[in-house]
Amino acid sequence: MTTVLSSKGQIVIPAAIRQRHQFRIGDKLLIEERDDEIVLKKARRTRKKTLAQWMLDCPVDDFKIERLRDGPKNIKL
């Protein structure tokens, strides 16, 4: 298959390839240069941390909230 480089440096990945590899709008692609080749790879998605995981990963040793009710008063439940 071939594609054309636009004046803005963009290329179109043919629909058959996008479907086969399940590319979606907004997916990130990695570009690798190998000698005289350019290789595109789908980047792995990174999951966003939940609030609980973010709090557990806190570097402060004594950081702990027993219950959300015991936390700051400006958080509405």
Protein backbone atom coordinates (compact mmCIF):
# COMPACT_ATOMS: atom_id res chain seq x y z
CA MET A 1 0.00 0.00 0.00
CA THR A 2 1.11 3.55 -0.58
CA THR A 3 0.12 6.89 0.86
CA VAL A 4 1.02 10.51 0.14
CA LEU A 5 2.81 13.00 2.38
CA SER A 6 0.85 16.27 2.67
CA SER A 7 2.35 19.76 2.63
CA LYS A 8 2.02 19.74 6.45
CA GLY A 9 4.02 16.51 6.77
CA GLN A 10 0.94 14.37 7.47
CA ILE A 11 0.20 10.91 6.11
CA VAL A 12 -3.01 8.90 5.96
CA ILE A 13 -2.96 5.36 7.32
CA PRO A 14 -5.25 3.34 5.04
CA ALA A 15 -8.58 2.29 6.59
CA ALA A 16 -7.85 -1.44 6.26
CA ILE A 17 -4.68 -1.06 8.36
CA ARG A 18 -6.41 1.19 10.93
CA GLN A 19 -9.18 -1.38 11.35
CA ARG A 20 -6.82 -4.36 11.51
CA HIS A 21 -4.75 -2.71 14.25
CA GLN A 22 -7.75 -1.08 15.95
CA PHE A 23 -6.40 2.48 15.70
CA ARG A 24 -8.74 5.06 17.20
CA ILE A 25 -8.85 8.85 17.00
CA GLY A 26 -6.34 10.24 19.47
CA ASP A 27 -4.18 7.09 19.64
CA LYS A 28 -0.49 7.84 20.00
CA LEU A 29 2.00 6.27 17.63
CA LEU A 30 5.71 5.68 18.18
CA ILE A 31 8.02 6.42 15.26
CA GLU A 32 11.25 4.44 14.96
CA GLU A 33 13.98 5.01 12.41
CA ARG A 34 15.79 1.85 11.27
CA ASP A 35 18.49 2.49 8.71
CA ASP A 36 16.44 3.34 5.62
CA GLU A 37 13.04 2.45 7.16
CA ILE A 38 10.52 4.33 9.27
CA VAL A 39 8.39 2.11 11.52
CA LEU A 40 5.12 3.20 13.17
CA LYS A 41 3.97 1.40 16.31
CA LYS A 42 0.90 1.92 18.41
CA ALA A 43 1.97 3.32 21.78
CA ARG A 44 0.74 1.51 24.85
CA ARG A 45 -1.96 3.33 26.73
CA THR A 46 -1.12 4.52 30.19
CA ARG A 47 -3.93 4.30 32.66
CA LYS A 48 -4.80 7.34 34.69
CA LYS A 49 -4.38 6.83 38.41
CA THR A 50 -7.44 6.77 40.60
CA LEU A 51 -7.57 9.12 43.59
CA ALA A 52 -7.04 6.14 45.89
CA GLN A 53 -3.93 5.00 43.97
CA TRP A 54 -2.58 8.53 43.89
CA MET A 55 -3.00 8.77 47.67
CA LEU A 56 -1.39 5.35 48.26
CA ASP A 57 1.59 6.41 46.12
CA CYS A 58 2.12 9.55 48.22
CA PRO A 59 5.78 9.79 49.29
CA VAL A 60 4.92 11.07 52.80
CA ASP A 61 5.30 8.19 55.27
CA ASP A 62 2.55 9.18 57.69
CA PHE A 63 -0.02 10.20 55.03
CA LYS A 64 -3.27 8.46 55.81
CA ILE A 65 -6.97 9.28 55.71
CA GLU A 66 -9.11 6.74 57.51
CA ARG A 67 -12.33 7.83 55.84
CA LEU A 68 -13.19 10.56 53.37
CA ARG A 69 -15.55 12.01 56.01
CA ASP A 70 -12.50 12.65 58.22
CA GLY A 71 -10.73 14.60 55.46
CA PRO A 72 -11.03 18.22 54.41
CA LYS A 73 -14.44 19.84 54.94
CA ASN A 74 -14.56 21.40 51.44
CA ILE A 75 -15.10 18.00 49.78
CA LYS A 76 -18.78 17.27 49.26
CA LEU A 77 -19.92 13.66 49.42
